[in-house]
C-alpha cells in the first residue's frame, strides 16, 4: 500500500502530540510505502533519524510568506493561521505527488483536533483523519478548579469549535473522510454530529510509540516516607488540574510532612498556583521546575514516588503512558483520555465528583501510595508491562494496519 502521511507537527524528540506523526510514519513504513509531508521546521529533528527509521521519502512543505504576515506573528491566532495555511499548501503538495505516485491512502495525523481544517477533501483517494480529540468537557462538579479565567477560556474553546465546524474546509473534510479516528467517546460524538460518516474510537493510536527503548527500566525500590516525591508534568493551565493536585497535596503534607511535590511545565496558570502554594505555607514543599527537556522529565519519573495527573479533559494524556513505561504509578482522574489509557490494575483512577470529594480522594490515593508499599509494588510491576503491550511500536503497527484497511474499504464519493 502506498500511503501519504500529512503531519504538521512531527518532532521525534518529543513525547507529546508533536511526536505522534513521527510514530505513525515509522510504524507504517515497516509495512507500507510511506511518503511523509511535514513542516520545514521539522527538518532538523527528522533528518538525523530518517535513514535509521526507514523513512525514504520526506517532503518538507513551508509557508514562510504566511508566517511573515501580521496574523502569522500573532501569538495564539497566528499559530492556527499558520496551521491552516500549511494544511492548504500540504494538500496541494500531496495532490501533485498523487498524480505521479497514485497513493492508496492519505492520512492526516496532526494536529489532532476535531475542529481544525485539512483541505484533503479535494483528493479523490481514501482519506483517514486522526486521531482527533478536543471535544472533551470539564466534569460539572469540577468547574471550580478552573477559576474565572479558566471558565472564560473553556467557553471560548467550545464556541471556537462550533464556529469552526461551520467553516467549509472543516465540514467538507469530515464529510469526505473515509474514516475518522476519535481519541475519546466525547470526540466521537462530536465528529458524528458534525458530518463524519465513519468514526472509530481508539485513544491508544494518539500516543507516540517510543516504548521499545529499553533505556527506561522499571523502578526497583520503594521510596520511604521521607523520600516521598510526587510529580506533575504538563502545561500549567487550568484544565490540566494542577490546582486539584496542590489542594490534595496540602492534606498529604499534614500526614507526611517530608513529602515533596514537583511541577514540571509552565503556562498561564503559574502565578495563581504560586500564590496558592504561598497561602498554604508550602513554598518549601512544592517546587516549580519550569519547562524541562523530555529526557529530564523521564529521568525524574525514575526517581519519583508517583505521577499525579488530575487533568480535567485531556484528549489523550501522553504523560500517563510515559510514566507507566517507567514503572511509575499514576494517580489520575477517570475522565477524558486517561480513563481509556489506564485502568485500576495499573493506576489509581479517581472518579471526579465534587471539588471537595475529588481533592480528598486524590489525597487519600497519594498517602496510600507512600504508606502501603505492597500496593505501590503491585502498580509498579504491572504498569510497565501493560504500557509495553499496548503502546509499543509493534502494537501501534498492528492497530495502524487495521484502520488503514478499514479506511481503504470505503469508496470515496
Protein backbone atom coordinates (compact mmCIF):
# COMPACT_ATOMS: atom_id res chain seq x y z
CA UNK A 1 0.00 0.00 0.00
CA UNK A 2 1.30 3.47 -0.88
CA UNK A 3 0.43 5.96 1.87
CA UNK A 4 0.82 9.74 2.14
CA UNK A 5 1.01 10.99 5.73
CA UNK A 6 0.32 14.65 6.45
CA UNK A 7 1.90 15.72 9.76
CA UNK A 8 2.14 19.43 10.57
CA UNK A 9 3.85 18.59 13.87
CA UNK A 10 6.42 15.82 13.55
CA UNK A 11 9.19 16.04 16.12
CA UNK A 12 10.68 12.64 17.02
CA UNK A 13 12.38 14.15 20.08
CA UNK A 14 9.03 14.93 21.73
CA UNK A 15 6.72 12.59 23.60
CA UNK A 16 3.73 14.90 23.17
CA UNK A 17 1.37 15.16 20.22
CA UNK A 18 4.29 16.50 18.20
CA UNK A 19 5.76 13.00 18.33
CA UNK A 20 2.64 11.21 17.09
CA UNK A 21 3.22 11.98 13.41
CA UNK A 22 6.71 10.51 13.62
CA UNK A 23 5.49 7.39 15.42
CA UNK A 24 2.79 6.78 12.80
CA UNK A 25 5.23 7.27 9.93
CA UNK A 26 7.84 4.92 11.39
CA UNK A 27 5.30 2.22 12.26
CA UNK A 28 3.56 2.47 8.88
CA UNK A 29 6.85 2.45 6.96
CA UNK A 30 7.61 -1.04 8.30
CA UNK A 31 4.64 -2.40 6.35
CA UNK A 32 3.87 0.06 3.56
CA UNK A 33 5.46 2.55 1.17
CA UNK A 34 5.17 5.84 3.04
CA UNK A 35 5.71 9.43 1.99
CA UNK A 36 5.51 11.88 4.89
CA UNK A 37 4.60 15.52 4.26
CA UNK A 38 5.61 17.76 7.14
CA UNK A 39 6.70 21.28 8.01
CA UNK A 40 10.09 22.64 7.04
CA UNK A 41 10.69 23.44 10.72
CA UNK A 42 10.82 19.70 11.50
CA UNK A 43 13.76 19.03 9.17
CA UNK A 44 16.45 19.39 11.86
CA UNK A 45 14.76 16.75 14.04
CA UNK A 46 13.90 14.31 11.27
CA UNK A 47 16.96 14.19 9.05
CA UNK A 48 19.40 12.70 11.61
CA UNK A 49 16.95 9.86 12.30
CA UNK A 50 15.26 9.35 8.94
CA UNK A 51 17.52 6.66 7.49
CA UNK A 52 17.52 4.53 10.62
CA UNK A 53 13.74 4.78 10.85
CA UNK A 54 13.25 3.51 7.30
CA UNK A 55 11.62 6.71 6.01
CA UNK A 56 12.84 7.05 2.45
CA UNK A 57 10.55 9.84 1.28
CA UNK A 58 10.03 13.03 3.30
CA UNK A 59 8.57 16.16 1.70
CA UNK A 60 9.07 19.40 3.62
CA UNK A 61 6.32 21.95 2.98
CA UNK A 62 6.92 25.53 4.13
CA UNK A 63 4.64 28.56 4.49
CA UNK A 64 7.27 31.24 5.15
CA UNK A 65 5.30 34.00 3.45
CA UNK A 66 2.20 33.35 5.51
CA UNK A 67 4.24 33.24 8.72
CA UNK A 68 5.74 36.65 7.98
CA UNK A 69 2.35 38.36 7.86
CA UNK A 70 0.59 40.14 10.71
CA UNK A 71 -1.57 37.13 11.60
CA UNK A 72 1.40 34.83 11.37
CA UNK A 73 3.16 36.79 14.09
CA UNK A 74 0.18 36.78 16.47
CA UNK A 75 0.84 34.56 19.48
CA UNK A 76 -2.25 32.30 19.51
CA UNK A 77 -4.29 33.26 16.45
CA UNK A 78 -1.13 33.24 14.36
CA UNK A 79 -0.31 29.67 15.32
CA UNK A 80 -3.60 28.37 13.96
CA UNK A 81 -3.37 30.70 10.97
CA UNK A 82 -0.02 29.14 10.06
CA UNK A 83 -1.53 25.69 10.64
CA UNK A 84 -4.42 26.37 8.24
CA UNK A 85 -2.07 27.89 5.66
CA UNK A 86 0.23 24.88 5.91
CA UNK A 87 -2.66 22.44 5.54
CA UNK A 88 -3.67 24.13 2.29
CA UNK A 89 -0.10 24.01 0.99
CA UNK A 90 0.34 20.38 2.10
CA UNK A 91 -2.89 19.32 0.37
CA UNK A 92 -1.57 20.87 -2.84
CA UNK A 93 1.76 19.06 -2.48
CA UNK A 94 0.01 15.75 -1.81
CA UNK A 95 -2.32 16.25 -4.78
CA UNK A 96 0.67 16.90 -7.05
CA UNK A 97 2.54 13.85 -5.74
CA UNK A 98 -0.59 11.71 -6.11
CA UNK A 99 -0.61 12.27 -9.88
CA UNK A 100 2.79 10.62 -10.10
CA UNK A 101 2.66 8.05 -7.31
CA UNK A 102 -1.05 7.13 -7.08
CA UNK A 103 -1.49 6.93 -3.31
CA UNK A 104 -3.83 4.25 -1.98
CA UNK A 105 -4.50 6.25 1.18
CA UNK A 106 -3.87 9.74 2.52
CA UNK A 107 -3.62 10.05 6.30
CA UNK A 108 -3.83 13.38 8.15
CA UNK A 109 -2.22 12.88 11.57
CA UNK A 110 -1.58 16.22 13.31
CA UNK A 111 -2.85 18.39 14.78
CA UNK A 112 -5.35 16.03 16.33
CA UNK A 113 -8.20 18.49 16.89
CA UNK A 114 -11.75 17.78 15.71
CA UNK A 115 -12.33 21.38 14.65
CA UNK A 116 -9.24 22.13 12.53
CA UNK A 117 -9.20 22.08 8.69
CA UNK A 118 -7.40 19.65 6.37
CA UNK A 119 -8.23 20.58 2.71
CA UNK A 120 -7.81 16.89 1.82
CA UNK A 121 -11.41 16.74 0.60
CA UNK A 122 -10.07 17.86 -2.78
CA UNK A 123 -8.41 14.44 -3.29
CA UNK A 124 -10.15 11.52 -4.96
CA UNK A 125 -8.50 8.94 -2.74
CA UNK A 126 -9.45 7.39 0.62
CA UNK A 127 -8.65 9.82 3.43
CA UNK A 128 -8.07 8.95 7.09
CA UNK A 129 -8.31 11.75 9.67
CA UNK A 130 -6.96 11.47 13.16
CA UNK A 131 -6.52 10.62 15.90
CA UNK A 132 -8.80 13.57 16.68
CA UNK A 133 -9.78 14.97 20.07
CA UNK A 134 -10.62 18.22 21.76
CA UNK A 135 -14.37 17.84 22.24
CA UNK A 136 -13.98 16.73 25.85
CA UNK A 137 -15.61 18.83 28.56
CA UNK A 138 -14.78 19.58 32.21
CA UNK A 139 -16.83 17.43 34.64
CA UNK A 140 -19.62 19.58 36.04
CA UNK A 141 -18.58 19.21 39.68
CA UNK A 142 -15.01 20.34 38.99
CA UNK A 143 -15.62 23.62 37.17
CA UNK A 144 -14.48 25.38 40.31
CA UNK A 145 -10.99 24.06 39.58
CA UNK A 146 -10.83 26.30 36.51
CA UNK A 147 -11.20 29.66 38.22
CA UNK A 148 -12.72 32.64 36.40
CA UNK A 149 -10.07 32.86 33.67
CA UNK A 150 -10.25 29.13 33.09
CA UNK A 151 -14.02 29.24 32.72
CA UNK A 152 -13.67 32.02 30.13
CA UNK A 153 -11.02 30.03 28.25
CA UNK A 154 -13.23 26.94 28.24
CA UNK A 155 -16.19 28.94 26.94
CA UNK A 156 -14.05 30.40 24.17
CA UNK A 157 -12.77 26.91 23.32
CA UNK A 158 -16.26 25.46 22.98
CA UNK A 159 -17.54 28.42 20.95
CA UNK A 160 -14.49 28.25 18.69
CA UNK A 161 -15.09 24.58 17.98
CA UNK A 162 -18.70 25.20 16.99
CA UNK A 163 -17.77 28.22 14.88
CA UNK A 164 -15.03 26.37 13.01
CA UNK A 165 -17.42 23.46 12.39
CA UNK A 166 -19.24 25.82 10.01
CA UNK A 167 -16.06 26.50 8.01
CA UNK A 168 -16.01 24.70 4.66
CA UNK A 169 -12.56 23.06 4.98
CA UNK A 170 -13.62 21.53 8.33
CA UNK A 171 -17.09 20.48 7.26
CA UNK A 172 -16.03 19.12 3.88
CA UNK A 173 -13.04 17.40 5.41
CA UNK A 174 -15.22 15.43 7.84
CA UNK A 175 -17.81 14.59 5.19
CA UNK A 176 -15.20 13.43 2.69
CA UNK A 177 -13.05 11.34 5.02
CA UNK A 178 -13.37 7.59 4.62
CA UNK A 179 -12.68 7.18 8.33
CA UNK A 180 -12.08 9.40 11.35
CA UNK A 181 -10.21 8.24 14.44
CA UNK A 182 -11.53 9.66 17.71
CA UNK A 183 -9.50 9.80 20.91
CA UNK A 184 -12.48 9.67 23.25
CA UNK A 185 -16.21 8.97 23.26
CA UNK A 186 -16.91 12.72 23.52
CA UNK A 187 -14.91 13.45 20.38
CA UNK A 188 -16.54 10.53 18.59
CA UNK A 189 -19.97 12.03 19.27
CA UNK A 190 -18.81 15.46 18.12
CA UNK A 191 -17.46 14.07 14.85
CA UNK A 192 -20.64 12.16 14.08
CA UNK A 193 -22.78 15.18 14.95
CA UNK A 194 -20.76 17.34 12.56
CA UNK A 195 -20.82 15.21 9.46
CA UNK A 196 -18.25 12.42 9.79
CA UNK A 197 -19.58 9.30 8.08
CA UNK A 198 -17.47 6.69 9.87
CA UNK A 199 -15.69 7.01 13.22
CA UNK A 200 -13.56 4.60 15.24
CA UNK A 201 -12.63 5.44 18.82
CA UNK A 202 -9.09 4.44 19.78
CA UNK A 203 -7.20 6.64 22.23
CA UNK A 204 -4.15 4.41 22.08
CA UNK A 205 -3.49 5.46 18.49
CA UNK A 206 -2.82 9.02 19.71
CA UNK A 207 0.20 8.02 21.82
CA UNK A 208 3.76 8.31 20.41
CA UNK A 209 5.18 4.79 20.28
CA UNK A 210 8.60 5.20 21.86
CA UNK A 211 8.37 2.41 24.37
CA UNK A 212 10.62 -0.01 22.55
CA UNK A 213 13.57 1.89 24.01
CA UNK A 214 14.97 -0.33 26.75
CA UNK A 215 16.75 2.55 28.49
CA UNK A 216 13.74 3.05 30.77
CA UNK A 217 13.87 0.29 33.41
CA UNK A 218 11.11 -0.17 35.93
CA UNK A 219 11.66 1.30 39.37
CA UNK A 220 13.10 -1.33 41.65
CA UNK A 221 12.88 0.16 45.13
CA UNK A 222 10.23 1.95 47.10
CA UNK A 223 10.89 5.45 48.37
CA UNK A 224 10.49 5.79 52.10
CA UNK A 225 8.01 8.19 53.66
CA UNK A 226 10.79 10.76 53.99
CA UNK A 227 11.62 10.42 50.28
CA UNK A 228 8.05 10.74 49.01
CA UNK A 229 8.17 12.79 45.79
CA UNK A 230 5.05 13.40 43.75
CA UNK A 231 5.36 14.90 40.29
CA UNK A 232 3.00 16.66 37.89
CA UNK A 233 4.00 17.05 34.24
CA UNK A 234 2.18 19.31 31.83
CA UNK A 235 1.42 22.84 30.79
CA UNK A 236 0.38 24.95 33.77
CA UNK A 237 -3.11 25.69 32.54
CA UNK A 238 -6.37 25.39 34.42
CA UNK A 239 -7.74 22.31 32.66
CA UNK A 240 -4.57 20.32 33.48
CA UNK A 241 -5.75 20.10 37.09
CA UNK A 242 -2.67 21.29 38.99
CA UNK A 243 -4.99 23.27 41.28
CA UNK A 244 -6.55 20.00 42.40
CA UNK A 245 -3.12 18.43 42.87
CA UNK A 246 -1.90 21.27 45.10
CA UNK A 247 -5.02 21.24 47.27
CA UNK A 248 -4.72 17.48 47.68
CA UNK A 249 -1.02 17.75 48.49
CA UNK A 250 -1.83 20.14 51.34
CA UNK A 251 -3.69 17.28 53.02
CA UNK A 252 -0.90 14.83 52.20
CA UNK A 253 1.69 17.10 53.78
CA UNK A 254 -0.32 17.24 57.01
CA UNK A 255 0.17 13.45 57.20
CA UNK A 256 3.60 13.24 55.57
CA UNK A 257 5.42 16.49 56.39
CA UNK A 258 8.58 15.49 54.48
CA UNK A 259 6.75 14.86 51.21
CA UNK A 260 7.56 16.99 48.15
CA UNK A 261 5.62 17.83 45.00
CA UNK A 262 7.42 18.95 41.82
CA UNK A 263 5.54 20.61 38.96
CA UNK A 264 7.20 20.33 35.55
CA UNK A 265 5.98 22.75 32.91
CA UNK A 266 4.99 26.37 32.53
CA UNK A 267 1.92 28.27 31.46
CA UNK A 268 -0.68 30.96 32.19
CA UNK A 269 -1.83 29.46 35.50
CA UNK A 270 1.61 29.51 37.12
CA UNK A 271 1.16 32.81 39.01
CA UNK A 272 -2.12 31.60 40.53
CA UNK A 273 -0.57 28.28 41.54
CA UNK A 274 2.40 30.01 43.14
CA UNK A 275 0.10 32.32 45.12
CA UNK A 276 -1.96 29.36 46.33
CA UNK A 277 1.17 27.47 47.40
CA UNK A 278 2.26 30.53 49.37
CA UNK A 279 -1.17 30.85 51.02
CA UNK A 280 -0.93 27.22 52.12
CA UNK A 281 2.57 27.74 53.51
CA UNK A 282 4.11 25.11 51.24
CA UNK A 283 6.84 27.13 49.48
CA UNK A 284 9.50 24.67 50.58
CA UNK A 285 7.49 21.59 49.70
CA UNK A 286 6.12 22.47 46.25
CA UNK A 287 8.76 23.07 43.57
CA UNK A 288 8.07 24.74 40.23
CA UNK A 289 10.69 23.17 37.96
CA UNK A 290 9.54 25.01 34.83
CA UNK A 291 9.86 23.72 31.28
CA UNK A 292 12.42 20.93 31.06
CA UNK A 293 13.63 18.70 28.19
CA UNK A 294 11.75 15.46 27.78
CA UNK A 295 14.79 13.40 28.84
CA UNK A 296 14.97 15.31 32.12
CA UNK A 297 11.30 14.62 32.80
CA UNK A 298 11.83 10.92 32.10
CA UNK A 299 14.78 10.81 34.49
CA UNK A 300 12.59 12.42 37.14
CA UNK A 301 9.98 9.72 36.58
CA UNK A 302 12.54 7.11 37.57
CA UNK A 303 13.13 8.90 40.87
CA UNK A 304 9.57 9.83 41.88
CA UNK A 305 7.07 8.05 44.09
CA UNK A 306 4.04 8.65 41.87
CA UNK A 307 2.75 10.76 39.00
CA UNK A 308 -0.28 12.93 39.86
CA UNK A 309 -2.21 13.81 36.70
CA UNK A 310 -5.70 15.15 37.55
CA UNK A 311 -6.37 16.63 34.08
CA UNK A 312 -9.98 17.72 33.63
CA UNK A 313 -10.38 16.98 29.93
CA UNK A 314 -7.18 15.72 28.29
CA UNK A 315 -7.88 14.04 24.96
CA UNK A 316 -5.08 11.55 25.39
CA UNK A 317 -2.65 12.08 28.26
CA UNK A 318 0.74 11.06 26.91
CA UNK A 319 2.48 11.56 30.25
CA UNK A 320 0.30 8.84 31.77
CA UNK A 321 1.76 6.32 29.33
CA UNK A 322 5.29 7.69 29.73
CA UNK A 323 5.03 7.28 33.50
CA UNK A 324 3.69 3.74 33.22
CA UNK A 325 6.55 2.87 30.86
CA UNK A 326 8.95 3.89 33.64
CA UNK A 327 7.15 1.73 36.16
CA UNK A 328 5.89 4.86 37.90
CA UNK A 329 2.41 4.56 39.48
CA UNK A 330 -0.08 7.13 38.22
CA UNK A 331 -2.89 8.85 40.12
CA UNK A 332 -5.34 10.35 37.66
CA UNK A 333 -8.99 11.21 37.12
CA UNK A 334 -11.29 8.75 35.43
CA UNK A 335 -12.17 11.17 32.64
CA UNK A 336 -11.01 12.07 29.13
CA UNK A 337 -8.14 10.13 27.61
CA UNK A 338 -6.81 8.98 30.97
CA UNK A 339 -9.96 6.95 31.55
CA UNK A 340 -9.22 4.99 28.36
CA UNK A 341 -5.44 4.73 28.57
CA UNK A 342 -5.27 3.19 32.04
CA UNK A 343 -7.36 1.16 34.43
CA UNK A 344 -7.33 0.13 38.10
CA UNK A 345 -4.72 -2.59 37.51
CA UNK A 346 -2.01 -0.08 36.67
CA UNK A 347 -3.19 3.28 38.04
CA UNK A 348 -5.28 4.84 40.77
CA UNK A 349 -8.37 6.10 38.96
CA UNK A 350 -10.21 8.78 40.93
CA UNK A 351 -13.78 9.25 39.80
CA UNK A 352 -14.48 13.00 39.53
CA UNK A 353 -17.36 14.26 41.64
CA UNK A 354 -17.50 17.43 43.70
CA UNK A 355 -14.44 19.62 44.28
CA UNK A 356 -14.02 18.58 47.92
CA UNK A 357 -14.60 14.88 47.35
CA UNK A 358 -12.21 14.78 44.43
CA UNK A 359 -9.48 16.58 46.39
CA UNK A 360 -9.95 14.21 49.33
CA UNK A 361 -9.83 11.14 47.08
CA UNK A 362 -6.63 12.36 45.40
CA UNK A 363 -5.03 12.98 48.80
CA UNK A 364 -6.03 9.53 50.07
CA UNK A 365 -4.55 7.91 46.97
CA UNK A 366 -1.26 9.78 47.39
CA UNK A 367 -0.97 8.83 51.06
CA UNK A 368 -1.74 5.19 50.32
CA UNK A 369 0.94 5.04 47.62
CA UNK A 370 3.53 6.02 50.22
CA UNK A 371 2.27 4.15 53.26
CA UNK A 372 1.39 0.87 51.55
CA UNK A 373 4.47 -0.33 49.67
CA UNK A 374 2.75 -3.56 48.63
CA UNK A 375 0.10 -1.53 46.85
CA UNK A 376 2.72 0.57 45.10
CA UNK A 377 4.73 -2.52 44.17
CA UNK A 378 1.67 -4.09 42.55
CA UNK A 379 1.02 -0.97 40.45
CA UNK A 380 4.68 -0.53 39.51
CA UNK A 381 5.18 -4.15 38.43
CA UNK A 382 2.06 -4.13 36.28
CA UNK A 383 2.19 -0.73 34.62
CA UNK A 384 5.40 -1.15 32.59
CA UNK A 385 4.35 -4.45 31.00
CA UNK A 386 0.88 -3.01 30.44
CA UNK A 387 2.33 0.03 28.66
CA UNK A 388 4.71 -2.11 26.63
CA UNK A 389 1.96 -4.42 25.40
CA UNK A 390 -0.43 -1.63 24.42
CA UNK A 391 1.76 1.27 23.30
CA UNK A 392 4.89 -0.22 21.75
CA UNK A 393 5.83 0.37 18.13
CA UNK A 394 4.71 -3.18 17.32
CA UNK A 395 1.32 -2.63 18.94
CA UNK A 396 0.90 0.66 17.11
CA UNK A 397 1.79 -1.02 13.81
CA UNK A 398 -0.87 -3.69 14.30
CA UNK A 399 -3.54 -1.09 15.03
CA UNK A 400 -2.45 1.05 12.09
CA UNK A 401 -2.80 -1.92 9.77
CA UNK A 402 -6.42 -2.44 10.83
CA UNK A 403 -7.51 1.17 10.48
CA UNK A 404 -5.71 1.62 7.16
CA UNK A 405 -7.53 -1.33 5.68
CA UNK A 406 -10.84 -0.13 7.10
CA UNK A 407 -10.33 3.31 5.57
CA UNK A 408 -9.43 1.85 2.17
CA UNK A 409 -12.56 -0.28 2.10
CA UNK A 410 -14.72 2.86 1.96
CA UNK A 411 -15.35 4.22 -1.53
CA UNK A 412 -14.75 7.97 -1.78
CA UNK A 413 -17.85 9.78 -3.04
